[in-house]
Amino acid sequence: APESLKSTKARLQFSACDWQSLPTLHHIAKDLAEIPIYGIEE
């Protein structure tokens, strides 16, 4: 059985960078940054 640890203390942060710094990923970073977080479950 795998080893397992849990917590409820976590933080997710994504930044909507511009196209010069993320020329092929900026549109994805922007969408990730806009996902609402209503609470950390686990």
PDB file of all heavy atoms in Angstrom:
ATOM      1  N   ALA A   1       0.840  -1.188   0.000  1.00  0.00           N
ATOM      2  CA  ALA A   1       0.000   0.000   0.000  1.00  0.00           C
ATOM      3  C   ALA A   1       0.877   1.241   0.000  1.00  0.00           C
ATOM      4  O   ALA A   1       1.909   1.290   0.681  1.00  0.00           O
ATOM      5  CB  ALA A   1      -0.905   0.001   1.223  1.00  0.00           C
ATOM      6  N   PRO A   2       0.516   2.269  -0.780  1.00  0.00           N
ATOM      7  CA  PRO A   2       1.352   3.475  -0.821  1.00  0.00           C
ATOM      8  C   PRO A   2       1.293   4.244   0.496  1.00  0.00           C
ATOM      9  O   PRO A   2       0.328   4.156   1.247  1.00  0.00           O
ATOM     10  CB  PRO A   2       0.718   4.281  -1.961  1.00  0.00           C
ATOM     11  CG  PRO A   2      -0.692   3.792  -2.050  1.00  0.00           C
ATOM     12  CD  PRO A   2      -0.655   2.359  -1.670  1.00  0.00           C
ATOM     13  N   GLU A   3       2.348   4.994   0.746  1.00  0.00           N
ATOM     14  CA  GLU A   3       2.383   5.889   1.902  1.00  0.00           C
ATOM     15  C   GLU A   3       1.513   7.108   1.607  1.00  0.00           C
ATOM     16  O   GLU A   3       1.530   7.642   0.500  1.00  0.00           O
ATOM     17  CB  GLU A   3       3.828   6.317   2.162  1.00  0.00           C
ATOM     18  CG  GLU A   3       3.984   7.360   3.256  1.00  0.00           C
ATOM     19  CD  GLU A   3       5.395   7.904   3.326  1.00  0.00           C
ATOM     20  OE1 GLU A   3       6.304   7.304   2.699  1.00  0.00           O
ATOM     21  OE2 GLU A   3       5.593   8.938   3.982  1.00  0.00           O
ATOM     22  N   SER A   4       0.749   7.554   2.604  1.00  0.00           N
ATOM     23  CA  SER A   4      -0.186   8.654   2.358  1.00  0.00           C
ATOM     24  C   SER A   4      -0.176   9.636   3.521  1.00  0.00           C
ATOM     25  O   SER A   4      -0.248   9.241   4.684  1.00  0.00           O
ATOM     26  CB  SER A   4      -1.603   8.102   2.164  1.00  0.00           C
ATOM     27  OG  SER A   4      -2.507   9.137   1.876  1.00  0.00           O
ATOM     28  N   LEU A   5      -0.058  10.917   3.194  1.00  0.00           N
ATOM     29  CA  LEU A   5      -0.146  12.007   4.167  1.00  0.00           C
ATOM     30  C   LEU A   5      -1.207  12.992   3.702  1.00  0.00           C
ATOM     31  O   LEU A   5      -1.416  13.172   2.504  1.00  0.00           O
ATOM     32  CB  LEU A   5       1.201  12.720   4.307  1.00  0.00           C
ATOM     33  CG  LEU A   5       2.412  11.876   4.715  1.00  0.00           C
ATOM     34  CD1 LEU A   5       3.670  12.738   4.715  1.00  0.00           C
ATOM     35  CD2 LEU A   5       2.196  11.247   6.076  1.00  0.00           C
ATOM     36  N   LYS A   6      -1.876  13.656   4.653  1.00  0.00           N
ATOM     37  CA  LYS A   6      -2.960  14.581   4.307  1.00  0.00           C
ATOM     38  C   LYS A   6      -2.797  15.904   5.038  1.00  0.00           C
ATOM     39  O   LYS A   6      -2.124  15.998   6.061  1.00  0.00           O
ATOM     40  CB  LYS A   6      -4.326  13.981   4.667  1.00  0.00           C
ATOM     41  CG  LYS A   6      -4.811  12.900   3.739  1.00  0.00           C
ATOM     42  CD  LYS A   6      -6.125  12.313   4.212  1.00  0.00           C
ATOM     43  CE  LYS A   6      -7.229  13.330   4.227  1.00  0.00           C
ATOM     44  NZ  LYS A   6      -8.542  12.732   4.578  1.00  0.00           N
ATOM     45  N   SER A   7      -3.494  16.917   4.488  1.00  0.00           N
ATOM     46  CA  SER A   7      -3.544  18.233   5.116  1.00  0.00           C
ATOM     47  C   SER A   7      -4.727  18.992   4.525  1.00  0.00           C
ATOM     48  O   SER A   7      -5.301  18.575   3.516  1.00  0.00           O
ATOM     49  CB  SER A   7      -2.245  19.012   4.858  1.00  0.00           C
ATOM     50  OG  SER A   7      -2.330  20.327   5.376  1.00  0.00           O
ATOM     51  N   THR A   8      -5.104  20.069   5.157  1.00  0.00           N
ATOM     52  CA  THR A   8      -6.091  20.990   4.568  1.00  0.00           C
ATOM     53  C   THR A   8      -5.480  22.367   4.330  1.00  0.00           C
ATOM     54  O   THR A   8      -6.185  23.290   3.919  1.00  0.00           O
ATOM     55  CB  THR A   8      -7.312  21.141   5.494  1.00  0.00           C
ATOM     56  OG1 THR A   8      -6.871  21.572   6.792  1.00  0.00           O
ATOM     57  CG2 THR A   8      -8.071  19.826   5.612  1.00  0.00           C
ATOM     58  N   LYS A   9      -4.179  22.471   4.570  1.00  0.00           N
ATOM     59  CA  LYS A   9      -3.499  23.752   4.411  1.00  0.00           C
ATOM     60  C   LYS A   9      -2.725  23.750   3.098  1.00  0.00           C
ATOM     61  O   LYS A   9      -1.670  23.119   2.980  1.00  0.00           O
ATOM     62  CB  LYS A   9      -2.573  24.020   5.592  1.00  0.00           C
ATOM     63  CG  LYS A   9      -3.323  24.176   6.910  1.00  0.00           C
ATOM     64  CD  LYS A   9      -2.386  24.511   8.048  1.00  0.00           C
ATOM     65  CE  LYS A   9      -3.156  24.701   9.344  1.00  0.00           C
ATOM     66  NZ  LYS A   9      -2.261  25.017  10.494  1.00  0.00           N
ATOM     67  N   ALA A  10      -3.278  24.426   2.140  1.00  0.00           N
ATOM     68  CA  ALA A  10      -2.648  24.483   0.819  1.00  0.00           C
ATOM     69  C   ALA A  10      -2.996  25.805   0.159  1.00  0.00           C
ATOM     70  O   ALA A  10      -3.987  26.457   0.502  1.00  0.00           O
ATOM     71  CB  ALA A  10      -3.107  23.319  -0.048  1.00  0.00           C
ATOM     72  N   ARG A  11      -2.189  26.160  -0.823  1.00  0.00           N
ATOM     73  CA  ARG A  11      -2.400  27.415  -1.553  1.00  0.00           C
ATOM     74  C   ARG A  11      -2.052  27.189  -3.015  1.00  0.00           C
ATOM     75  O   ARG A  11      -1.009  26.623  -3.335  1.00  0.00           O
ATOM     76  CB  ARG A  11      -1.526  28.521  -0.960  1.00  0.00           C
ATOM     77  CG  ARG A  11      -1.670  29.886  -1.622  1.00  0.00           C
ATOM     78  CD  ARG A  11      -0.921  30.927  -0.788  1.00  0.00           C
ATOM     79  NE  ARG A  11      -0.951  32.240  -1.391  1.00  0.00           N
ATOM     80  CZ  ARG A  11       0.008  32.731  -2.164  1.00  0.00           C
ATOM     81  NH1 ARG A  11       1.074  31.997  -2.433  1.00  0.00           N
ATOM     82  NH2 ARG A  11      -0.074  33.946  -2.662  1.00  0.00           N
ATOM     83  N   LEU A  12      -2.949  27.615  -3.899  1.00  0.00           N
ATOM     84  CA  LEU A  12      -2.732  27.540  -5.341  1.00  0.00           C
ATOM     85  C   LEU A  12      -2.666  28.953  -5.893  1.00  0.00           C
ATOM     86  O   LEU A  12      -3.541  29.775  -5.596  1.00  0.00           O
ATOM     87  CB  LEU A  12      -3.870  26.781  -6.024  1.00  0.00           C
ATOM     88  CG  LEU A  12      -4.101  25.336  -5.585  1.00  0.00           C
ATOM     89  CD1 LEU A  12      -5.361  24.795  -6.237  1.00  0.00           C
ATOM     90  CD2 LEU A  12      -2.909  24.463  -5.941  1.00  0.00           C
ATOM     91  N   GLN A  13      -1.666  29.239  -6.688  1.00  0.00           N
ATOM     92  CA  GLN A  13      -1.553  30.575  -7.276  1.00  0.00           C
ATOM     93  C   GLN A  13      -1.008  30.471  -8.698  1.00  0.00           C
ATOM     94  O   GLN A  13       0.059  29.897  -8.918  1.00  0.00           O
ATOM     95  CB  GLN A  13      -0.646  31.469  -6.436  1.00  0.00           C
ATOM     96  CG  GLN A  13      -0.604  32.917  -6.932  1.00  0.00           C
ATOM     97  CD  GLN A  13       0.199  33.808  -6.000  1.00  0.00           C
ATOM     98  OE1 GLN A  13       0.981  33.328  -5.198  1.00  0.00           O
ATOM     99  NE2 GLN A  13      -0.005  35.113  -6.093  1.00  0.00           N
ATOM    100  N   PHE A  14      -1.778  31.008  -9.642  1.00  0.00           N
ATOM    101  CA  PHE A  14      -1.330  31.082 -11.028  1.00  0.00           C
ATOM    102  C   PHE A  14      -1.348  32.537 -11.459  1.00  0.00           C
ATOM    103  O   PHE A  14      -2.195  33.326 -11.011  1.00  0.00           O
ATOM    104  CB  PHE A  14      -2.219  30.241 -11.942  1.00  0.00           C
ATOM    105  CG  PHE A  14      -1.963  28.772 -11.829  1.00  0.00           C
ATOM    106  CD1 PHE A  14      -2.546  28.032 -10.820  1.00  0.00           C
ATOM    107  CD2 PHE A  14      -1.110  28.127 -12.716  1.00  0.00           C
ATOM    108  CE1 PHE A  14      -2.305  26.679 -10.686  1.00  0.00           C
ATOM    109  CE2 PHE A  14      -0.862  26.768 -12.597  1.00  0.00           C
ATOM    110  CZ  PHE A  14      -1.462  26.042 -11.582  1.00  0.00           C
ATOM    111  N   SER A  15      -0.404  32.914 -12.308  1.00  0.00           N
ATOM    112  CA  SER A  15      -0.264  34.301 -12.744  1.00  0.00           C
ATOM    113  C   SER A  15      -0.543  34.409 -14.234  1.00  0.00           C
ATOM    114  O   SER A  15      -0.036  33.603 -15.033  1.00  0.00           O
ATOM    115  CB  SER A  15       1.149  34.815 -12.451  1.00  0.00           C
ATOM    116  OG  SER A  15       1.454  34.692 -11.085  1.00  0.00           O
ATOM    117  N   ALA A  16      -1.327  35.391 -14.597  1.00  0.00           N
ATOM    118  CA  ALA A  16      -1.628  35.631 -16.012  1.00  0.00           C
ATOM    119  C   ALA A  16      -0.495  36.446 -16.628  1.00  0.00           C
ATOM    120  O   ALA A  16      -0.582  37.676 -16.735  1.00  0.00           O
ATOM    121  CB  ALA A  16      -2.961  36.367 -16.136  1.00  0.00           C
ATOM    122  N   CYS A  17       0.568  35.786 -17.008  1.00  0.00           N
ATOM    123  CA  CYS A  17       1.715  36.487 -17.595  1.00  0.00           C
ATOM    124  C   CYS A  17       1.387  36.982 -19.007  1.00  0.00           C
ATOM    125  O   CYS A  17       0.421  36.545 -19.624  1.00  0.00           O
ATOM    126  CB  CYS A  17       2.922  35.557 -17.650  1.00  0.00           C
ATOM    127  SG  CYS A  17       3.433  34.911 -16.043  1.00  0.00           S
ATOM    128  N   ASP A  18       2.211  37.893 -19.521  1.00  0.00           N
ATOM    129  CA  ASP A  18       1.975  38.414 -20.868  1.00  0.00           C
ATOM    130  C   ASP A  18       2.614  37.491 -21.900  1.00  0.00           C
ATOM    131  O   ASP A  18       3.352  36.555 -21.575  1.00  0.00           O
ATOM    132  CB  ASP A  18       2.493  39.845 -21.009  1.00  0.00           C
ATOM    133  CG  ASP A  18       3.975  39.973 -20.675  1.00  0.00           C
ATOM    134  OD1 ASP A  18       4.714  38.988 -20.871  1.00  0.00           O
ATOM    135  OD2 ASP A  18       4.387  41.045 -20.217  1.00  0.00           O
ATOM    136  N   TRP A  19       2.346  37.771 -23.169  1.00  0.00           N
ATOM    137  CA  TRP A  19       2.806  36.867 -24.222  1.00  0.00           C
ATOM    138  C   TRP A  19       4.310  36.945 -24.437  1.00  0.00           C
ATOM    139  O   TRP A  19       4.922  36.006 -24.928  1.00  0.00           O
ATOM    140  CB  TRP A  19       2.061  37.131 -25.527  1.00  0.00           C
ATOM    141  CG  TRP A  19       2.441  38.404 -26.237  1.00  0.00           C
ATOM    142  CD1 TRP A  19       1.852  39.615 -26.105  1.00  0.00           C
ATOM    143  CD2 TRP A  19       3.486  38.556 -27.200  1.00  0.00           C
ATOM    144  NE1 TRP A  19       2.467  40.534 -26.910  1.00  0.00           N
ATOM    145  CE2 TRP A  19       3.478  39.908 -27.611  1.00  0.00           C
ATOM    146  CE3 TRP A  19       4.424  37.695 -27.767  1.00  0.00           C
ATOM    147  CZ2 TRP A  19       4.368  40.408 -28.546  1.00  0.00           C
ATOM    148  CZ3 TRP A  19       5.314  38.198 -28.702  1.00  0.00           C
ATOM    149  CH2 TRP A  19       5.279  39.549 -29.080  1.00  0.00           C
ATOM    150  N   GLN A  20       4.945  38.064 -24.045  1.00  0.00           N
ATOM    151  CA  GLN A  20       6.396  38.133 -24.203  1.00  0.00           C
ATOM    152  C   GLN A  20       7.104  37.155 -23.262  1.00  0.00           C
ATOM    153  O   GLN A  20       8.093  36.531 -23.633  1.00  0.00           O
ATOM    154  CB  GLN A  20       6.906  39.561 -23.935  1.00  0.00           C
ATOM    155  CG  GLN A  20       6.535  40.546 -25.020  1.00  0.00           C
ATOM    156  CD  GLN A  20       5.282  41.333 -24.668  1.00  0.00           C
ATOM    157  OE1 GLN A  20       4.461  40.868 -23.886  1.00  0.00           O
ATOM    158  NE2 GLN A  20       5.159  42.528 -25.228  1.00  0.00           N
ATOM    159  N   SER A  21       6.596  37.015 -22.031  1.00  0.00           N
ATOM    160  CA  SER A  21       7.249  36.115 -21.078  1.00  0.00           C
ATOM    161  C   SER A  21       6.788  34.671 -21.243  1.00  0.00           C
ATOM    162  O   SER A  21       7.545  33.745 -20.968  1.00  0.00           O
ATOM    163  CB  SER A  21       6.985  36.589 -19.642  1.00  0.00           C
ATOM    164  OG  SER A  21       5.588  36.673 -19.393  1.00  0.00           O
ATOM    165  N   LEU A  22       5.543  34.485 -21.694  1.00  0.00           N
ATOM    166  CA  LEU A  22       5.015  33.136 -21.945  1.00  0.00           C
ATOM    167  C   LEU A  22       4.423  33.105 -23.353  1.00  0.00           C
ATOM    168  O   LEU A  22       3.207  33.071 -23.530  1.00  0.00           O
ATOM    169  CB  LEU A  22       3.929  32.776 -20.932  1.00  0.00           C
ATOM    170  CG  LEU A  22       4.331  32.426 -19.511  1.00  0.00           C
ATOM    171  CD1 LEU A  22       3.095  32.103 -18.688  1.00  0.00           C
ATOM    172  CD2 LEU A  22       5.305  31.256 -19.484  1.00  0.00           C
ATOM    173  N   PRO A  23       5.239  33.118 -24.368  1.00  0.00           N
ATOM    174  CA  PRO A  23       4.711  33.293 -25.732  1.00  0.00           C
ATOM    175  C   PRO A  23       3.744  32.209 -26.183  1.00  0.00           C
ATOM    176  O   PRO A  23       2.842  32.481 -26.964  1.00  0.00           O
ATOM    177  CB  PRO A  23       5.989  33.302 -26.603  1.00  0.00           C
ATOM    178  CG  PRO A  23       7.041  32.663 -25.765  1.00  0.00           C
ATOM    179  CD  PRO A  23       6.712  33.018 -24.353  1.00  0.00           C
ATOM    180  N   THR A  24       3.878  30.978 -25.682  1.00  0.00           N
ATOM    181  CA  THR A  24       2.972  29.903 -26.126  1.00  0.00           C
ATOM    182  C   THR A  24       2.029  29.435 -25.030  1.00  0.00           C
ATOM    183  O   THR A  24       1.173  28.584 -25.277  1.00  0.00           O
ATOM    184  CB  THR A  24       3.783  28.685 -26.612  1.00  0.00           C
ATOM    185  OG1 THR A  24       4.577  28.178 -25.534  1.00  0.00           O
ATOM    186  CG2 THR A  24       4.671  29.059 -27.783  1.00  0.00           C
ATOM    187  N   LEU A  25       2.185  29.975 -23.835  1.00  0.00           N
ATOM    188  CA  LEU A  25       1.374  29.501 -22.711  1.00  0.00           C
ATOM    189  C   LEU A  25       0.573  30.589 -22.019  1.00  0.00           C
ATOM    190  O   LEU A  25      -0.163  30.301 -21.070  1.00  0.00           O
ATOM    191  CB  LEU A  25       2.284  28.832 -21.654  1.00  0.00           C
ATOM    192  CG  LEU A  25       3.058  27.583 -22.058  1.00  0.00           C
ATOM    193  CD1 LEU A  25       3.927  27.118 -20.900  1.00  0.00           C
ATOM    194  CD2 LEU A  25       2.121  26.477 -22.494  1.00  0.00           C
ATOM    195  N   HIS A  26       0.700  31.851 -22.464  1.00  0.00           N
ATOM    196  CA  HIS A  26       0.077  32.931 -21.687  1.00  0.00           C
ATOM    197  C   HIS A  26      -1.442  32.806 -21.623  1.00  0.00           C
ATOM    198  O   HIS A  26      -2.065  33.151 -20.625  1.00  0.00           O
ATOM    199  CB  HIS A  26       0.477  34.299 -22.247  1.00  0.00           C
ATOM    200  CG  HIS A  26      -0.032  34.582 -23.626  1.00  0.00           C
ATOM    201  ND1 HIS A  26       0.572  34.069 -24.753  1.00  0.00           N
ATOM    202  CD2 HIS A  26      -1.092  35.306 -24.063  1.00  0.00           C
ATOM    203  CE1 HIS A  26      -0.090  34.473 -25.826  1.00  0.00           C
ATOM    204  NE2 HIS A  26      -1.095  35.214 -25.436  1.00  0.00           N
ATOM    205  N   HIS A  27      -2.072  32.292 -22.701  1.00  0.00           N
ATOM    206  CA  HIS A  27      -3.532  32.166 -22.693  1.00  0.00           C
ATOM    207  C   HIS A  27      -3.977  31.112 -21.684  1.00  0.00           C
ATOM    208  O   HIS A  27      -5.038  31.253 -21.047  1.00  0.00           O
ATOM    209  CB  HIS A  27      -4.031  31.801 -24.090  1.00  0.00           C
ATOM    210  CG  HIS A  27      -3.526  30.502 -24.628  1.00  0.00           C
ATOM    211  ND1 HIS A  27      -2.182  30.235 -24.809  1.00  0.00           N
ATOM    212  CD2 HIS A  27      -4.185  29.375 -25.008  1.00  0.00           C
ATOM    213  CE1 HIS A  27      -2.029  29.005 -25.283  1.00  0.00           C
ATOM    214  NE2 HIS A  27      -3.229  28.462 -25.407  1.00  0.00           N
ATOM    215  N   ILE A  28      -3.170  30.066 -21.516  1.00  0.00           N
ATOM    216  CA  ILE A  28      -3.497  29.027 -20.549  1.00  0.00           C
ATOM    217  C   ILE A  28      -3.260  29.532 -19.125  1.00  0.00           C
ATOM    218  O   ILE A  28      -4.079  29.306 -18.224  1.00  0.00           O
ATOM    219  CB  ILE A  28      -2.665  27.766 -20.832  1.00  0.00           C
ATOM    220  CG1 ILE A  28      -3.086  27.171 -22.180  1.00  0.00           C
ATOM    221  CG2 ILE A  28      -2.808  26.746 -19.714  1.00  0.00           C
ATOM    222  CD1 ILE A  28      -2.233  26.014 -22.635  1.00  0.00           C
ATOM    223  N   ALA A  29      -2.151  30.223 -18.910  1.00  0.00           N
ATOM    224  CA  ALA A  29      -1.872  30.773 -17.585  1.00  0.00           C
ATOM    225  C   ALA A  29      -2.974  31.732 -17.150  1.00  0.00           C
ATOM    226  O   ALA A  29      -3.380  31.748 -15.985  1.00  0.00           O
ATOM    227  CB  ALA A  29      -0.516  31.482 -17.589  1.00  0.00           C
ATOM    228  N   LYS A  30      -3.474  32.517 -18.099  1.00  0.00           N
ATOM    229  CA  LYS A  30      -4.557  33.453 -17.779  1.00  0.00           C
ATOM    230  C   LYS A  30      -5.811  32.704 -17.326  1.00  0.00           C
ATOM    231  O   LYS A  30      -6.449  33.061 -16.327  1.00  0.00           O
ATOM    232  CB  LYS A  30      -4.877  34.319 -19.000  1.00  0.00           C
ATOM    233  CG  LYS A  30      -6.047  35.289 -18.807  1.00  0.00           C
ATOM    234  CD  LYS A  30      -6.260  36.124 -20.052  1.00  0.00           C
ATOM    235  CE  LYS A  30      -7.416  37.116 -19.879  1.00  0.00           C
ATOM    236  NZ  LYS A  30      -8.713  36.430 -19.717  1.00  0.00           N
ATOM    237  N   ASP A  31      -6.179  31.648 -18.044  1.00  0.00           N
ATOM    238  CA  ASP A  31      -7.376  30.894 -17.674  1.00  0.00           C
ATOM    239  C   ASP A  31      -7.194  30.184 -16.332  1.00  0.00           C
ATOM    240  O   ASP A  31      -8.129  30.115 -15.527  1.00  0.00           O
ATOM    241  CB  ASP A  31      -7.721  29.876 -18.759  1.00  0.00           C
ATOM    242  CG  ASP A  31      -8.424  30.505 -19.948  1.00  0.00           C
ATOM    243  OD1 ASP A  31      -8.551  31.740 -19.959  1.00  0.00           O
ATOM    244  OD2 ASP A  31      -8.849  29.774 -20.859  1.00  0.00           O
ATOM    245  N   LEU A  32      -6.021  29.653 -16.080  1.00  0.00           N
ATOM    246  CA  LEU A  32      -5.767  29.022 -14.787  1.00  0.00           C
ATOM    247  C   LEU A  32      -5.873  30.038 -13.655  1.00  0.00           C
ATOM    248  O   LEU A  32      -6.395  29.738 -12.576  1.00  0.00           O
ATOM    249  CB  LEU A  32      -4.387  28.369 -14.782  1.00  0.00           C
ATOM    250  CG  LEU A  32      -4.218  27.123 -15.659  1.00  0.00           C
ATOM    251  CD1 LEU A  32      -2.750  26.693 -15.685  1.00  0.00           C
ATOM    252  CD2 LEU A  32      -5.091  25.977 -15.172  1.00  0.00           C
ATOM    253  N   ALA A  33      -5.374  31.247 -13.903  1.00  0.00           N
ATOM    254  CA  ALA A  33      -5.429  32.287 -12.876  1.00  0.00           C
ATOM    255  C   ALA A  33      -6.862  32.713 -12.569  1.00  0.00           C
ATOM    256  O   ALA A  33      -7.143  33.201 -11.471  1.00  0.00           O
ATOM    257  CB  ALA A  33      -4.609  33.503 -13.318  1.00  0.00           C
ATOM    258  N   GLU A  34      -7.774  32.516 -13.514  1.00  0.00           N
ATOM    259  CA  GLU A  34      -9.152  32.975 -13.327  1.00  0.00           C
ATOM    260  C   GLU A  34     -10.078  31.904 -12.756  1.00  0.00           C
ATOM    261  O   GLU A  34     -11.245  32.180 -12.483  1.00  0.00           O
ATOM    262  CB  GLU A  34      -9.706  33.473 -14.668  1.00  0.00           C
ATOM    263  CG  GLU A  34      -9.042  34.762 -15.143  1.00  0.00           C
ATOM    264  CD  GLU A  34      -9.540  35.221 -16.504  1.00  0.00           C
ATOM    265  OE1 GLU A  34     -10.351  34.489 -17.122  1.00  0.00           O
ATOM    266  OE2 GLU A  34      -9.113  36.306 -16.944  1.00  0.00           O
ATOM    267  N   ILE A  35      -9.579  30.682 -12.577  1.00  0.00           N
ATOM    268  CA  ILE A  35     -10.442  29.647 -11.991  1.00  0.00           C
ATOM    269  C   ILE A  35     -10.792  30.046 -10.563  1.00  0.00           C
ATOM    270  O   ILE A  35      -9.904  30.254  -9.733  1.00  0.00           O
ATOM    271  CB  ILE A  35      -9.741  28.280 -11.999  1.00  0.00           C
ATOM    272  CG1 ILE A  35      -9.486  27.808 -13.430  1.00  0.00           C
ATOM    273  CG2 ILE A  35     -10.594  27.243 -11.261  1.00  0.00           C
ATOM    274  CD1 ILE A  35      -8.755  26.485 -13.521  1.00  0.00           C
ATOM    275  N   PRO A  36     -12.082  30.159 -10.225  1.00  0.00           N
ATOM    276  CA  PRO A  36     -12.442  30.521  -8.847  1.00  0.00           C
ATOM    277  C   PRO A  36     -12.127  29.382  -7.878  1.00  0.00           C
ATOM    278  O   PRO A  36     -12.297  28.208  -8.203  1.00  0.00           O
ATOM    279  CB  PRO A  36     -13.955  30.756  -8.927  1.00  0.00           C
ATOM    280  CG  PRO A  36     -14.304  30.801 -10.382  1.00  0.00           C
ATOM    281  CD  PRO A  36     -13.266  29.991 -11.081  1.00  0.00           C
ATOM    282  N   ILE A  37     -11.663  29.730  -6.706  1.00  0.00           N
ATOM    283  CA  ILE A  37     -11.445  28.744  -5.650  1.00  0.00           C
ATOM    284  C   ILE A  37     -12.331  29.115  -4.476  1.00  0.00           C
ATOM    285  O   ILE A  37     -12.153  30.151  -3.839  1.00  0.00           O
ATOM    286  CB  ILE A  37      -9.969  28.692  -5.222  1.00  0.00           C
ATOM    287  CG1 ILE A  37      -9.098  28.215  -6.389  1.00  0.00           C
ATOM    288  CG2 ILE A  37      -9.795  27.754  -4.028  1.00  0.00           C
ATOM    289  CD1 ILE A  37      -7.634  28.117  -6.059  1.00  0.00           C
ATOM    290  N   TYR A  38     -13.326  28.266  -4.202  1.00  0.00           N
ATOM    291  CA  TYR A  38     -14.275  28.520  -3.124  1.00  0.00           C
ATOM    292  C   TYR A  38     -13.862  27.850  -1.814  1.00  0.00           C
ATOM    293  O   TYR A  38     -14.511  28.034  -0.798  1.00  0.00           O
ATOM    294  CB  TYR A  38     -15.667  28.048  -3.530  1.00  0.00           C
ATOM    295  CG  TYR A  38     -16.230  28.789  -4.711  1.00  0.00           C
ATOM    296  CD1 TYR A  38     -16.738  28.109  -5.807  1.00  0.00           C
ATOM    297  CD2 TYR A  38     -16.241  30.179  -4.739  1.00  0.00           C
ATOM    298  CE1 TYR A  38     -17.260  28.794  -6.894  1.00  0.00           C
ATOM    299  CE2 TYR A  38     -16.748  30.877  -5.824  1.00  0.00           C
ATOM    300  CZ  TYR A  38     -17.266  30.171  -6.897  1.00  0.00           C
ATOM    301  OH  TYR A  38     -17.784  30.850  -7.976  1.00  0.00           O
ATOM    302  N   GLY A  39     -12.810  27.075  -1.832  1.00  0.00           N
ATOM    303  CA  GLY A  39     -12.329  26.439  -0.612  1.00  0.00           C
ATOM    304  C   GLY A  39     -11.459  25.240  -0.937  1.00  0.00           C
ATOM    305  O   GLY A  39     -11.700  24.522  -1.901  1.00  0.00           O
ATOM    306  N   ILE A  40     -10.428  25.032  -0.120  1.00  0.00           N
ATOM    307  CA  ILE A  40      -9.564  23.855  -0.263  1.00  0.00           C
ATOM    308  C   ILE A  40     -10.216  22.699   0.490  1.00  0.00           C
ATOM    309  O   ILE A  40     -10.497  22.795   1.687  1.00  0.00           O
ATOM    310  CB  ILE A  40      -8.156  24.118   0.298  1.00  0.00           C
ATOM    311  CG1 ILE A  40      -7.497  25.293  -0.453  1.00  0.00           C
ATOM    312  CG2 ILE A  40      -7.308  22.859   0.214  1.00  0.00           C
ATOM    313  CD1 ILE A  40      -7.203  25.029  -1.903  1.00  0.00           C
ATOM    314  N   GLU A  41     -10.469  21.599  -0.213  1.00  0.00           N
ATOM    315  CA  GLU A  41     -11.062  20.431   0.411  1.00  0.00           C
ATOM    316  C   GLU A  41      -9.998  19.550   1.067  1.00  0.00           C
ATOM    317  O   GLU A  41     -10.204  19.043   2.170  1.00  0.00           O
ATOM    318  CB  GLU A  41     -11.815  19.600  -0.638  1.00  0.00           C
ATOM    319  CG  GLU A  41     -13.099  20.222  -1.111  1.00  0.00           C
ATOM    320  CD  GLU A  41     -14.160  20.218  -0.024  1.00  0.00           C
ATOM    321  OE1 GLU A  41     -14.545  19.125   0.441  1.00  0.00           O
ATOM    322  OE2 GLU A  41     -14.588  21.315   0.374  1.00  0.00           O
ATOM    323  N   GLU A  42      -8.870  19.370   0.382  1.00  0.00           N
ATOM    324  CA  GLU A  42      -7.876  18.430   0.880  1.00  0.00           C
ATOM    325  C   GLU A  42      -6.583  18.581   0.098  1.00  0.00           C
ATOM    326  O   GLU A  42      -6.596  18.867  -1.094  1.00  0.00           O
ATOM    327  CB  GLU A  42      -8.405  16.999   0.728  1.00  0.00           C
ATOM    328  CG  GLU A  42      -7.452  15.900   1.177  1.00  0.00           C
ATOM    329  CD  GLU A  42      -8.017  14.520   0.911  1.00  0.00           C
ATOM    330  OE1 GLU A  42      -7.982  14.075  -0.253  1.00  0.00           O
ATOM    331  OE2 GLU A  42      -8.503  13.894   1.867  1.00  0.00           O
TER     332      GLU A  42
END
